[in-house]
Protein backbone atom coordinates (compact mmCIF):
# COMPACT_ATOMS: atom_id res chain seq x y z
CA UNK A 1 45.84 -41.96 34.27
CA UNK A 2 42.22 -42.36 33.06
CA UNK A 3 41.60 -44.86 29.93
CA UNK A 4 38.73 -43.47 27.89
CA UNK A 5 36.32 -46.34 26.60
CA UNK A 6 34.06 -45.88 23.87
CA UNK A 7 30.67 -47.98 22.93
CA UNK A 8 29.75 -48.93 19.71
CA UNK A 9 26.35 -50.88 19.34
CA UNK A 10 25.62 -53.35 16.17
CA UNK A 11 22.75 -55.01 14.66
CA UNK A 12 23.37 -58.38 14.04
CA UNK A 13 21.61 -60.89 11.93
CA UNK A 14 22.23 -64.61 11.20
CA UNK A 15 22.13 -65.87 14.87
CA UNK A 16 20.12 -68.95 15.42
CA UNK A 17 21.43 -69.84 19.17
CA UNK A 18 23.62 -69.62 21.71
CA UNK A 19 26.59 -70.84 19.91
CA UNK A 20 25.97 -68.38 17.37
CA UNK A 21 26.04 -65.70 20.16
CA UNK A 22 29.49 -66.95 21.33
CA UNK A 23 30.88 -67.01 18.17
CA UNK A 24 29.97 -63.29 17.57
CA UNK A 25 31.41 -62.69 20.74
CA UNK A 26 34.64 -64.13 20.66
CA UNK A 27 35.24 -62.70 17.18
CA UNK A 28 34.54 -59.40 18.45
CA UNK A 29 36.39 -59.78 21.51
CA UNK A 30 39.63 -60.94 19.38
CA UNK A 31 39.28 -57.83 17.81
CA UNK A 32 42.53 -55.30 18.69
CA UNK A 33 41.25 -52.67 21.16
CA UNK A 34 37.74 -54.60 21.83
CA UNK A 35 37.45 -54.88 25.96
CA UNK A 36 34.46 -56.43 25.85
CA UNK A 37 31.49 -57.67 23.76
CA UNK A 38 28.05 -58.60 24.92
CA UNK A 39 25.50 -59.85 22.43
CA UNK A 40 21.74 -60.20 22.85
CA UNK A 41 20.54 -63.33 20.85
CA UNK A 42 16.84 -62.11 21.01
CA UNK A 43 17.22 -58.55 20.07
CA UNK A 44 20.11 -58.88 17.79
CA UNK A 45 22.60 -56.43 19.25
CA UNK A 46 26.15 -56.55 20.00
CA UNK A 47 27.21 -53.96 22.51
CA UNK A 48 31.09 -53.49 22.36
CA UNK A 49 33.41 -51.85 24.39
CA UNK A 50 36.63 -50.44 22.88
CA UNK A 51 39.70 -48.33 23.49
CA UNK A 52 38.72 -46.08 20.38
CA UNK A 53 41.14 -47.52 17.94
CA UNK A 54 38.89 -49.86 16.11
CA UNK A 55 36.07 -48.40 13.87
CA UNK A 56 32.83 -49.66 13.10
CA UNK A 57 33.92 -51.25 9.93
CA UNK A 58 36.43 -53.39 11.65
CA UNK A 59 34.24 -54.77 14.09
CA UNK A 60 31.88 -55.29 11.25
CA UNK A 61 34.21 -57.27 9.28
CA UNK A 62 35.24 -59.53 12.63
CA UNK A 63 31.06 -60.27 12.91
CA UNK A 64 31.34 -61.20 9.13
CA UNK A 65 34.43 -63.23 9.47
CA UNK A 66 32.42 -65.32 12.04
CA UNK A 67 29.62 -65.77 9.58
CA UNK A 68 26.90 -63.51 10.39
CA UNK A 69 25.92 -60.11 9.16
CA UNK A 70 25.93 -56.54 11.10
CA UNK A 71 25.58 -53.05 10.94
CA UNK A 72 25.65 -50.14 13.14
CA UNK A 73 22.87 -49.67 15.16
CA UNK A 74 20.36 -46.42 15.13
CA UNK A 75 19.21 -45.13 18.19
CA UNK A 76 17.26 -47.23 20.10
CA UNK A 77 17.36 -48.95 23.59
CA UNK A 78 20.45 -51.08 23.70
CA UNK A 79 21.06 -52.37 27.21
CA UNK A 80 21.39 -56.06 27.54
CA UNK A 81 19.56 -57.74 30.02
CA UNK A 82 20.21 -61.41 31.60
CA UNK A 83 16.79 -62.14 29.25
CA UNK A 84 18.29 -61.02 26.40
CA UNK A 85 21.05 -63.72 26.57
CA UNK A 86 18.87 -66.92 26.40
CA UNK A 87 17.89 -68.81 23.30
CA UNK A 88 14.40 -67.60 21.92
CA UNK A 89 11.49 -70.43 22.13
């Protein structure tokens, strides 16, 4: 059986460095149903791959519990590149 995955994109604010980015990734990946989270510190976005069982509000609460703010992203380019992973100058 082929497993269906879903993708949710969040705008995350309050991250200052890679430690912040890692905290957001860990918080999201500990959320039941989440398979992977990628976070761009530079662009302030999190791309979350999940099985569809977790709602956006649950993901936002996970980010908030880690000490940051999040909201659903609107339509925009949400690819995360290696350059997005670096800390801003």
